[in-house]
């Protein structure tokens, strides 16, 4: 279970707080009563990053599969129309940027 501490307590006892994190405890640092930072062991941090990365990859793969499935249902004419719409949108954005710089 995470332990919540005031930032001033963490400053005074950083060595002890670090030991707590290294032994598996999670420390939540509060400022003005609101949680601002979590102190966790580096191995836990790496595991969290890896889990987040894996979730994002899974979501990306799912979106790509859904996009491919939708694209397979489009006719050649529909694909050409979408390409033309995209080209026009890029041309508009480029023109808008150019006029905003002037």
PDB file of N, CA and C in Angstrom:
ATOM      1  N   UNK A   1       0.845  -1.183   0.000  1.00  0.00           N
ATOM      2  CA  UNK A   1       0.000   0.000   0.000  1.00  0.00           C
ATOM      3  C   UNK A   1       0.887   1.242   0.000  1.00  0.00           C
ATOM      4  N   UNK A   2       0.590   2.203  -0.842  1.00  0.00           N
ATOM      5  CA  UNK A   2       1.414   3.413  -0.900  1.00  0.00           C
ATOM      6  C   UNK A   2       1.332   4.217   0.393  1.00  0.00           C
ATOM      7  N   UNK A   3       2.417   4.894   0.681  1.00  0.00           N
ATOM      8  CA  UNK A   3       2.490   5.785   1.832  1.00  0.00           C
ATOM      9  C   UNK A   3       2.496   7.205   1.293  1.00  0.00           C
ATOM     10  N   UNK A   4       1.651   8.079   1.840  1.00  0.00           N
ATOM     11  CA  UNK A   4       1.614   9.479   1.415  1.00  0.00           C
ATOM     12  C   UNK A   4       2.335  10.339   2.437  1.00  0.00           C
ATOM     13  N   UNK A   5       3.251  11.169   1.948  1.00  0.00           N
ATOM     14  CA  UNK A   5       4.022  12.051   2.820  1.00  0.00           C
ATOM     15  C   UNK A   5       4.061  13.453   2.242  1.00  0.00           C
ATOM     16  N   UNK A   6       4.213  14.424   3.124  1.00  0.00           N
ATOM     17  CA  UNK A   6       4.386  15.807   2.688  1.00  0.00           C
ATOM     18  C   UNK A   6       5.773  15.954   2.083  1.00  0.00           C
ATOM     19  N   UNK A   7       5.906  16.864   1.139  1.00  0.00           N
ATOM     20  CA  UNK A   7       7.205  17.068   0.489  1.00  0.00           C
ATOM     21  C   UNK A   7       8.272  17.468   1.498  1.00  0.00           C
ATOM     22  N   UNK A   8       7.908  18.215   2.519  1.00  0.00           N
ATOM     23  CA  UNK A   8       8.888  18.612   3.541  1.00  0.00           C
ATOM     24  C   UNK A   8       9.407  17.399   4.304  1.00  0.00           C
ATOM     25  N   UNK A   9       8.532  16.412   4.575  1.00  0.00           N
ATOM     26  CA  UNK A   9       8.962  15.183   5.248  1.00  0.00           C
ATOM     27  C   UNK A   9       9.931  14.401   4.367  1.00  0.00           C
ATOM     28  N   UNK A  10       9.629  14.358   3.083  1.00  0.00           N
ATOM     29  CA  UNK A  10      10.487  13.627   2.147  1.00  0.00           C
ATOM     30  C   UNK A  10      11.857  14.288   2.077  1.00  0.00           C
ATOM     31  N   UNK A  11      11.899  15.608   2.053  1.00  0.00           N
ATOM     32  CA  UNK A  11      13.178  16.329   2.014  1.00  0.00           C
ATOM     33  C   UNK A  11      14.023  16.013   3.242  1.00  0.00           C
ATOM     34  N   UNK A  12      13.395  15.994   4.397  1.00  0.00           N
ATOM     35  CA  UNK A  12      14.139  15.742   5.642  1.00  0.00           C
ATOM     36  C   UNK A  12      14.602  14.293   5.759  1.00  0.00           C
ATOM     37  N   UNK A  13      13.863  13.377   5.160  1.00  0.00           N
ATOM     38  CA  UNK A  13      14.136  11.945   5.353  1.00  0.00           C
ATOM     39  C   UNK A  13      14.350  11.209   4.038  1.00  0.00           C
ATOM     40  N   UNK A  14      15.017  11.849   3.083  1.00  0.00           N
ATOM     41  CA  UNK A  14      15.104  11.256   1.754  1.00  0.00           C
ATOM     42  C   UNK A  14      15.762   9.876   1.764  1.00  0.00           C
ATOM     43  N   UNK A  15      16.812   9.702   2.544  1.00  0.00           N
ATOM     44  CA  UNK A  15      17.479   8.399   2.608  1.00  0.00           C
ATOM     45  C   UNK A  15      16.529   7.296   3.041  1.00  0.00           C
ATOM     46  N   UNK A  16      15.741   7.562   4.064  1.00  0.00           N
ATOM     47  CA  UNK A  16      14.772   6.570   4.542  1.00  0.00           C
ATOM     48  C   UNK A  16      13.679   6.320   3.502  1.00  0.00           C
ATOM     49  N   UNK A  17      13.252   7.380   2.847  1.00  0.00           N
ATOM     50  CA  UNK A  17      12.217   7.247   1.819  1.00  0.00           C
ATOM     51  C   UNK A  17      12.737   6.395   0.668  1.00  0.00           C
ATOM     52  N   UNK A  18      13.983   6.638   0.290  1.00  0.00           N
ATOM     53  CA  UNK A  18      14.584   5.860  -0.789  1.00  0.00           C
ATOM     54  C   UNK A  18      14.662   4.383  -0.400  1.00  0.00           C
ATOM     55  N   UNK A  19      15.048   4.099   0.824  1.00  0.00           N
ATOM     56  CA  UNK A  19      15.096   2.704   1.295  1.00  0.00           C
ATOM     57  C   UNK A  19      13.708   2.070   1.237  1.00  0.00           C
ATOM     58  N   UNK A  20      12.700   2.831   1.627  1.00  0.00           N
ATOM     59  CA  UNK A  20      11.327   2.324   1.568  1.00  0.00           C
ATOM     60  C   UNK A  20      10.965   1.922   0.144  1.00  0.00           C
ATOM     61  N   UNK A  21      11.293   2.798  -0.803  1.00  0.00           N
ATOM     62  CA  UNK A  21      10.989   2.515  -2.207  1.00  0.00           C
ATOM     63  C   UNK A  21      11.760   1.295  -2.697  1.00  0.00           C
ATOM     64  N   UNK A  22      13.009   1.176  -2.283  1.00  0.00           N
ATOM     65  CA  UNK A  22      13.832   0.040  -2.712  1.00  0.00           C
ATOM     66  C   UNK A  22      13.310  -1.283  -2.174  1.00  0.00           C
ATOM     67  N   UNK A  23      12.606  -1.251  -1.053  1.00  0.00           N
ATOM     68  CA  UNK A  23      12.068  -2.487  -0.479  1.00  0.00           C
ATOM     69  C   UNK A  23      10.653  -2.783  -0.968  1.00  0.00           C
ATOM     70  N   UNK A  24      10.191  -2.009  -1.949  1.00  0.00           N
ATOM     71  CA  UNK A  24       8.905  -2.318  -2.564  1.00  0.00           C
ATOM     72  C   UNK A  24       7.763  -1.396  -2.197  1.00  0.00           C
ATOM     73  N   UNK A  25       7.955  -0.516  -1.233  1.00  0.00           N
ATOM     74  CA  UNK A  25       6.891   0.426  -0.885  1.00  0.00           C
ATOM     75  C   UNK A  25       6.835   1.540  -1.922  1.00  0.00           C
ATOM     76  N   UNK A  26       5.652   2.024  -2.149  1.00  0.00           N
ATOM     77  CA  UNK A  26       5.477   3.168  -3.041  1.00  0.00           C
ATOM     78  C   UNK A  26       5.204   4.379  -2.167  1.00  0.00           C
ATOM     79  N   UNK A  27       5.901   5.467  -2.445  1.00  0.00           N
ATOM     80  CA  UNK A  27       5.757   6.677  -1.648  1.00  0.00           C
ATOM     81  C   UNK A  27       5.146   7.765  -2.528  1.00  0.00           C
ATOM     82  N   UNK A  28       4.048   8.311  -2.073  1.00  0.00           N
ATOM     83  CA  UNK A  28       3.391   9.411  -2.767  1.00  0.00           C
ATOM     84  C   UNK A  28       3.794  10.699  -2.053  1.00  0.00           C
ATOM     85  N   UNK A  29       4.325  11.646  -2.811  1.00  0.00           N
ATOM     86  CA  UNK A  29       4.750  12.921  -2.240  1.00  0.00           C
ATOM     87  C   UNK A  29       3.653  13.945  -2.509  1.00  0.00           C
ATOM     88  N   UNK A  30       3.198  14.568  -1.427  1.00  0.00           N
ATOM     89  CA  UNK A  30       2.136  15.563  -1.535  1.00  0.00           C
ATOM     90  C   UNK A  30       2.692  16.968  -1.358  1.00  0.00           C
ATOM     91  N   UNK A  31       2.093  17.893  -2.076  1.00  0.00           N
ATOM     92  CA  UNK A  31       2.406  19.311  -1.895  1.00  0.00           C
ATOM     93  C   UNK A  31       1.074  20.024  -1.698  1.00  0.00           C
ATOM     94  N   UNK A  32       0.963  20.737  -0.600  1.00  0.00           N
ATOM     95  CA  UNK A  32      -0.283  21.434  -0.249  1.00  0.00           C
ATOM     96  C   UNK A  32      -1.469  20.473  -0.245  1.00  0.00           C
ATOM     97  N   UNK A  33      -1.222  19.251   0.239  1.00  0.00           N
ATOM     98  CA  UNK A  33      -2.284  18.265   0.394  1.00  0.00           C
ATOM     99  C   UNK A  33      -2.682  17.503  -0.851  1.00  0.00           C
ATOM    100  N   UNK A  34      -2.042  17.805  -1.976  1.00  0.00           N
ATOM    101  CA  UNK A  34      -2.387  17.113  -3.226  1.00  0.00           C
ATOM    102  C   UNK A  34      -1.218  16.245  -3.684  1.00  0.00           C
ATOM    103  N   UNK A  35      -1.479  14.999  -4.113  1.00  0.00           N
ATOM    104  CA  UNK A  35      -0.397  14.139  -4.598  1.00  0.00           C
ATOM    105  C   UNK A  35       0.244  14.723  -5.849  1.00  0.00           C
ATOM    106  N   UNK A  36       1.583  14.764  -5.861  1.00  0.00           N
ATOM    107  CA  UNK A  36       2.313  15.363  -6.983  1.00  0.00           C
ATOM    108  C   UNK A  36       3.304  14.409  -7.631  1.00  0.00           C
ATOM    109  N   UNK A  37       3.952  13.557  -6.821  1.00  0.00           N
ATOM    110  CA  UNK A  37       5.030  12.708  -7.323  1.00  0.00           C
ATOM    111  C   UNK A  37       4.954  11.358  -6.617  1.00  0.00           C
ATOM    112  N   UNK A  38       5.350  10.314  -7.334  1.00  0.00           N
ATOM    113  CA  UNK A  38       5.474   8.991  -6.724  1.00  0.00           C
ATOM    114  C   UNK A  38       6.939   8.578  -6.761  1.00  0.00           C
ATOM    115  N   UNK A  39       7.405   8.016  -5.675  1.00  0.00           N
ATOM    116  CA  UNK A  39       8.771   7.493  -5.622  1.00  0.00           C
ATOM    117  C   UNK A  39       8.659   5.977  -5.578  1.00  0.00           C
ATOM    118  N   UNK A  40       9.240   5.336  -6.578  1.00  0.00           N
ATOM    119  CA  UNK A  40       9.213   3.875  -6.673  1.00  0.00           C
ATOM    120  C   UNK A  40      10.614   3.385  -7.012  1.00  0.00           C
ATOM    121  N   UNK A  41      10.871   2.121  -6.756  1.00  0.00           N
ATOM    122  CA  UNK A  41      12.156   1.526  -7.118  1.00  0.00           C
ATOM    123  C   UNK A  41      12.322   1.588  -8.640  1.00  0.00           C
ATOM    124  N   UNK A  42      13.562   1.715  -9.087  1.00  0.00           N
ATOM    125  CA  UNK A  42      13.831   1.849 -10.520  1.00  0.00           C
ATOM    126  C   UNK A  42      13.326   0.637 -11.297  1.00  0.00           C
ATOM    127  N   UNK A  43      13.454  -0.553 -10.738  1.00  0.00           N
ATOM    128  CA  UNK A  43      12.960  -1.757 -11.418  1.00  0.00           C
ATOM    129  C   UNK A  43      11.448  -1.671 -11.629  1.00  0.00           C
ATOM    130  N   UNK A  44      10.736  -1.149 -10.637  1.00  0.00           N
ATOM    131  CA  UNK A  44       9.280  -0.973 -10.761  1.00  0.00           C
ATOM    132  C   UNK A  44       8.964   0.065 -11.841  1.00  0.00           C
ATOM    133  N   UNK A  45       9.733   1.140 -11.871  1.00  0.00           N
ATOM    134  CA  UNK A  45       9.573   2.182 -12.886  1.00  0.00           C
ATOM    135  C   UNK A  45       9.765   1.588 -14.283  1.00  0.00           C
ATOM    136  N   UNK A  46      10.812   0.785 -14.454  1.00  0.00           N
ATOM    137  CA  UNK A  46      11.061   0.155 -15.754  1.00  0.00           C
ATOM    138  C   UNK A  46       9.915  -0.773 -16.141  1.00  0.00           C
ATOM    139  N   UNK A  47       9.390  -1.513 -15.165  1.00  0.00           N
ATOM    140  CA  UNK A  47       8.271  -2.413 -15.441  1.00  0.00           C
ATOM    141  C   UNK A  47       7.029  -1.626 -15.857  1.00  0.00           C
ATOM    142  N   UNK A  48       6.794  -0.496 -15.203  1.00  0.00           N
ATOM    143  CA  UNK A  48       5.654   0.352 -15.570  1.00  0.00           C
ATOM    144  C   UNK A  48       5.804   0.895 -16.986  1.00  0.00           C
ATOM    145  N   UNK A  49       7.015   1.342 -17.332  1.00  0.00           N
ATOM    146  CA  UNK A  49       7.260   1.834 -18.690  1.00  0.00           C
ATOM    147  C   UNK A  49       7.054   0.732 -19.720  1.00  0.00           C
ATOM    148  N   UNK A  50       7.546  -0.466 -19.421  1.00  0.00           N
ATOM    149  CA  UNK A  50       7.394  -1.587 -20.350  1.00  0.00           C
ATOM    150  C   UNK A  50       5.917  -1.938 -20.532  1.00  0.00           C
ATOM    151  N   UNK A  51       5.157  -1.931 -19.447  1.00  0.00           N
ATOM    152  CA  UNK A  51       3.726  -2.235 -19.533  1.00  0.00           C
ATOM    153  C   UNK A  51       2.998  -1.169 -20.344  1.00  0.00           C
ATOM    154  N   UNK A  52       3.351   0.087 -20.126  1.00  0.00           N
ATOM    155  CA  UNK A  52       2.736   1.177 -20.885  1.00  0.00           C
ATOM    156  C   UNK A  52       3.067   1.053 -22.369  1.00  0.00           C
ATOM    157  N   UNK A  53       4.320   0.764 -22.669  1.00  0.00           N
ATOM    158  CA  UNK A  53       4.753   0.600 -24.062  1.00  0.00           C
ATOM    159  C   UNK A  53       3.999  -0.557 -24.721  1.00  0.00           C
ATOM    160  N   UNK A  54       3.854  -1.659 -24.009  1.00  0.00           N
ATOM    161  CA  UNK A  54       3.152  -2.823 -24.549  1.00  0.00           C
ATOM    162  C   UNK A  54       1.682  -2.497 -24.807  1.00  0.00           C
ATOM    163  N   UNK A  55       1.064  -1.767 -23.895  1.00  0.00           N
ATOM    164  CA  UNK A  55      -0.326  -1.364 -24.083  1.00  0.00           C
ATOM    165  C   UNK A  55      -0.468  -0.479 -25.317  1.00  0.00           C
ATOM    166  N   UNK A  56       0.435   0.481 -25.470  1.00  0.00           N
ATOM    167  CA  UNK A  56       0.386   1.360 -26.642  1.00  0.00           C
ATOM    168  C   UNK A  56       0.586   0.583 -27.940  1.00  0.00           C
ATOM    169  N   UNK A  57       1.516  -0.372 -27.934  1.00  0.00           N
ATOM    170  CA  UNK A  57       1.729  -1.195 -29.131  1.00  0.00           C
ATOM    171  C   UNK A  57       0.493  -2.025 -29.459  1.00  0.00           C
ATOM    172  N   UNK A  58      -0.138  -2.569 -28.435  1.00  0.00           N
ATOM    173  CA  UNK A  58      -1.357  -3.348 -28.639  1.00  0.00           C
ATOM    174  C   UNK A  58      -2.452  -2.477 -29.237  1.00  0.00           C
ATOM    175  N   UNK A  59      -2.605  -1.262 -28.702  1.00  0.00           N
ATOM    176  CA  UNK A  59      -3.609  -0.341 -29.234  1.00  0.00           C
ATOM    177  C   UNK A  59      -3.291   0.048 -30.675  1.00  0.00           C
ATOM    178  N   UNK A  60      -2.017   0.270 -30.970  1.00  0.00           N
ATOM    179  CA  UNK A  60      -1.611   0.625 -32.331  1.00  0.00           C
ATOM    180  C   UNK A  60      -1.879  -0.521 -33.297  1.00  0.00           C
ATOM    181  N   UNK A  61      -1.543  -1.731 -32.879  1.00  0.00           N
ATOM    182  CA  UNK A  61      -1.798  -2.898 -33.734  1.00  0.00           C
ATOM    183  C   UNK A  61      -3.297  -3.068 -33.992  1.00  0.00           C
ATOM    184  N   UNK A  62      -4.093  -2.860 -32.945  1.00  0.00           N
ATOM    185  CA  UNK A  62      -5.544  -2.984 -33.092  1.00  0.00           C
ATOM    186  C   UNK A  62      -6.076  -1.921 -34.049  1.00  0.00           C
ATOM    187  N   UNK A  63      -5.599  -0.695 -33.907  1.00  0.00           N
ATOM    188  CA  UNK A  63      -6.039   0.387 -34.799  1.00  0.00           C
ATOM    189  C   UNK A  63      -5.619   0.095 -36.234  1.00  0.00           C
ATOM    190  N   UNK A  64      -4.409  -0.431 -36.419  1.00  0.00           N
ATOM    191  CA  UNK A  64      -3.930  -0.757 -37.762  1.00  0.00           C
ATOM    192  C   UNK A  64      -4.776  -1.867 -38.382  1.00  0.00           C
ATOM    193  N   UNK A  65      -5.129  -2.867 -37.582  1.00  0.00           N
ATOM    194  CA  UNK A  65      -5.953  -3.964 -38.091  1.00  0.00           C
ATOM    195  C   UNK A  65      -7.343  -3.463 -38.475  1.00  0.00           C
ATOM    196  N   UNK A  66      -7.912  -2.593 -37.630  1.00  0.00           N
ATOM    197  CA  UNK A  66      -9.232  -2.037 -37.941  1.00  0.00           C
ATOM    198  C   UNK A  66      -9.172  -1.176 -39.199  1.00  0.00           C
ATOM    199  N   UNK A  67      -8.106  -0.406 -39.326  1.00  0.00           N
ATOM    200  CA  UNK A  67      -7.937   0.447 -40.502  1.00  0.00           C
ATOM    201  C   UNK A  67      -7.785  -0.401 -41.760  1.00  0.00           C
ATOM    202  N   UNK A  68      -7.011  -1.455 -41.670  1.00  0.00           N
ATOM    203  CA  UNK A  68      -6.821  -2.341 -42.821  1.00  0.00           C
ATOM    204  C   UNK A  68      -8.138  -3.008 -43.210  1.00  0.00           C
ATOM    205  N   UNK A  69      -8.927  -3.390 -42.213  1.00  0.00           N
ATOM    206  CA  UNK A  69     -10.214  -4.022 -42.503  1.00  0.00           C
ATOM    207  C   UNK A  69     -11.147  -3.044 -43.203  1.00  0.00           C
ATOM    208  N   UNK A  70     -11.155  -1.790 -42.737  1.00  0.00           N
ATOM    209  CA  UNK A  70     -11.999  -0.780 -43.389  1.00  0.00           C
ATOM    210  C   UNK A  70     -11.502  -0.493 -44.803  1.00  0.00           C
ATOM    211  N   UNK A  71     -10.188  -0.406 -44.957  1.00  0.00           N
ATOM    212  CA  UNK A  71      -9.611  -0.107 -46.270  1.00  0.00           C
ATOM    213  C   UNK A  71      -9.926  -1.215 -47.270  1.00  0.00           C
ATOM    214  N   UNK A  72      -9.977  -2.449 -46.807  1.00  0.00           N
ATOM    215  CA  UNK A  72     -10.262  -3.571 -47.705  1.00  0.00           C
ATOM    216  C   UNK A  72     -11.674  -3.486 -48.271  1.00  0.00           C
ATOM    217  N   UNK A  73     -12.560  -2.782 -47.563  1.00  0.00           N
ATOM    218  CA  UNK A  73     -13.946  -2.669 -48.008  1.00  0.00           C
ATOM    219  C   UNK A  73     -14.161  -1.518 -48.991  1.00  0.00           C
ATOM    220  N   UNK A  74     -13.153  -0.645 -49.158  1.00  0.00           N
ATOM    221  CA  UNK A  74     -13.299   0.521 -50.033  1.00  0.00           C
ATOM    222  C   UNK A  74     -13.059   0.153 -51.498  1.00  0.00           C
ATOM    223  N   UNK A  75     -13.817   0.801 -52.354  1.00  0.00           N
ATOM    224  CA  UNK A  75     -13.588   0.626 -53.795  1.00  0.00           C
ATOM    225  C   UNK A  75     -12.405   1.502 -54.200  1.00  0.00           C
ATOM    226  N   UNK A  76     -11.873   1.271 -55.401  1.00  0.00           N
ATOM    227  CA  UNK A  76     -10.768   2.091 -55.904  1.00  0.00           C
ATOM    228  C   UNK A  76     -11.178   3.558 -55.992  1.00  0.00           C
ATOM    229  N   UNK A  77     -12.422   3.800 -56.389  1.00  0.00           N
ATOM    230  CA  UNK A  77     -12.909   5.179 -56.503  1.00  0.00           C
ATOM    231  C   UNK A  77     -12.942   5.863 -55.134  1.00  0.00           C
ATOM    232  N   UNK A  78     -13.372   5.130 -54.118  1.00  0.00           N
ATOM    233  CA  UNK A  78     -13.423   5.697 -52.766  1.00  0.00           C
ATOM    234  C   UNK A  78     -12.016   6.009 -52.251  1.00  0.00           C
ATOM    235  N   UNK A  79     -11.076   5.124 -52.550  1.00  0.00           N
ATOM    236  CA  UNK A  79      -9.685   5.355 -52.146  1.00  0.00           C
ATOM    237  C   UNK A  79      -9.154   6.608 -52.820  1.00  0.00           C
ATOM    238  N   UNK A  80      -9.395   6.737 -54.128  1.00  0.00           N
ATOM    239  CA  UNK A  80      -8.943   7.921 -54.868  1.00  0.00           C
ATOM    240  C   UNK A  80      -9.570   9.192 -54.297  1.00  0.00           C
ATOM    241  N   UNK A  81     -10.845   9.143 -53.937  1.00  0.00           N
ATOM    242  CA  UNK A  81     -11.524  10.313 -53.372  1.00  0.00           C
ATOM    243  C   UNK A  81     -10.908  10.695 -52.025  1.00  0.00           C
ATOM    244  N   UNK A  82     -10.595   9.716 -51.205  1.00  0.00           N
ATOM    245  CA  UNK A  82      -9.963   9.993 -49.908  1.00  0.00           C
ATOM    246  C   UNK A  82      -8.572  10.594 -50.085  1.00  0.00           C
ATOM    247  N   UNK A  83      -7.835  10.078 -51.061  1.00  0.00           N
ATOM    248  CA  UNK A  83      -6.501  10.624 -51.344  1.00  0.00           C
ATOM    249  C   UNK A  83      -6.615  12.078 -51.778  1.00  0.00           C
ATOM    250  N   UNK A  84      -7.565  12.366 -52.640  1.00  0.00           N
ATOM    251  CA  UNK A  84      -7.757  13.739 -53.121  1.00  0.00           C
ATOM    252  C   UNK A  84      -8.159  14.670 -51.974  1.00  0.00           C
ATOM    253  N   UNK A  85      -9.029  14.196 -51.087  1.00  0.00           N
ATOM    254  CA  UNK A  85      -9.423  14.999 -49.918  1.00  0.00           C
ATOM    255  C   UNK A  85      -8.207  15.319 -49.051  1.00  0.00           C
ATOM    256  N   UNK A  86      -7.362  14.318 -48.844  1.00  0.00           N
ATOM    257  CA  UNK A  86      -6.164  14.520 -48.025  1.00  0.00           C
ATOM    258  C   UNK A  86      -5.226  15.519 -48.679  1.00  0.00           C
ATOM    259  N   UNK A  87      -5.041  15.410 -49.987  1.00  0.00           N
ATOM    260  CA  UNK A  87      -4.177  16.357 -50.706  1.00  0.00           C
ATOM    261  C   UNK A  87      -4.703  17.783 -50.571  1.00  0.00           C
ATOM    262  N   UNK A  88      -6.004  17.942 -50.724  1.00  0.00           N
ATOM    263  CA  UNK A  88      -6.609  19.273 -50.610  1.00  0.00           C
ATOM    264  C   UNK A  88      -6.451  19.831 -49.197  1.00  0.00           C
ATOM    265  N   UNK A  89      -6.607  18.980 -48.208  1.00  0.00           N
ATOM    266  CA  UNK A  89      -6.452  19.424 -46.816  1.00  0.00           C
ATOM    267  C   UNK A  89      -5.023  19.882 -46.552  1.00  0.00           C
ATOM    268  N   UNK A  90      -4.052  19.136 -47.072  1.00  0.00           N
ATOM    269  CA  UNK A  90      -2.643  19.518 -46.904  1.00  0.00           C
ATOM    270  C   UNK A  90      -2.372  20.834 -47.613  1.00  0.00           C
ATOM    271  N   UNK A  91      -2.904  20.999 -48.803  1.00  0.00           N
ATOM    272  CA  UNK A  91      -2.709  22.244 -49.554  1.00  0.00           C
ATOM    273  C   UNK A  91      -3.307  23.424 -48.795  1.00  0.00           C
ATOM    274  N   UNK A  92      -4.501  23.240 -48.209  1.00  0.00           N
ATOM    275  CA  UNK A  92      -5.124  24.314 -47.424  1.00  0.00           C
ATOM    276  C   UNK A  92      -4.276  24.671 -46.207  1.00  0.00           C
ATOM    277  N   UNK A  93      -3.820  23.656 -45.480  1.00  0.00           N
ATOM    278  CA  UNK A  93      -2.996  23.897 -44.289  1.00  0.00           C
ATOM    279  C   UNK A  93      -1.699  24.607 -44.653  1.00  0.00           C
ATOM    280  N   UNK A  94      -1.089  24.195 -45.759  1.00  0.00           N
ATOM    281  CA  UNK A  94       0.152  24.834 -46.207  1.00  0.00           C
ATOM    282  C   UNK A  94      -0.098  26.296 -46.553  1.00  0.00           C
ATOM    283  N   UNK A  95      -1.182  26.560 -47.253  1.00  0.00           N
ATOM    284  CA  UNK A  95      -1.521  27.941 -47.618  1.00  0.00           C
ATOM    285  C   UNK A  95      -1.817  28.774 -46.377  1.00  0.00           C
ATOM    286  N   UNK A  96      -2.518  28.197 -45.404  1.00  0.00           N
ATOM    287  CA  UNK A  96      -2.829  28.918 -44.163  1.00  0.00           C
ATOM    288  C   UNK A  96      -1.555  29.262 -43.397  1.00  0.00           C
ATOM    289  N   UNK A  97      -0.625  28.317 -43.327  1.00  0.00           N
ATOM    290  CA  UNK A  97       0.644  28.577 -42.637  1.00  0.00           C
ATOM    291  C   UNK A  97       1.425  29.677 -43.335  1.00  0.00           C
ATOM    292  N   UNK A  98       1.403  29.625 -44.656  1.00  0.00           N
ATOM    293  CA  UNK A  98       2.145  30.618 -45.437  1.00  0.00           C
ATOM    294  C   UNK A  98       1.578  32.014 -45.202  1.00  0.00           C
ATOM    295  N   UNK A  99       0.255  32.141 -45.210  1.00  0.00           N
ATOM    296  CA  UNK A  99      -0.353  33.464 -45.004  1.00  0.00           C
ATOM    297  C   UNK A  99      -0.200  33.934 -43.562  1.00  0.00           C
ATOM    298  N   UNK A 100      -0.144  33.022 -42.611  1.00  0.00           N
ATOM    299  CA  UNK A 100       0.019  33.438 -41.209  1.00  0.00           C
ATOM    300  C   UNK A 100       1.440  33.919 -40.926  1.00  0.00           C
ATOM    301  N   UNK A 101       2.410  33.499 -41.709  1.00  0.00           N
ATOM    302  CA  UNK A 101       3.804  33.945 -41.544  1.00  0.00           C
ATOM    303  C   UNK A 101       4.015  35.343 -42.108  1.00  0.00           C
ATOM    304  N   UNK A 102       3.191  35.709 -43.064  1.00  0.00           N
ATOM    305  CA  UNK A 102       3.375  37.001 -43.747  1.00  0.00           C
ATOM    306  C   UNK A 102       2.850  38.150 -42.942  1.00  0.00           C
TER     307      UNK A 102
END
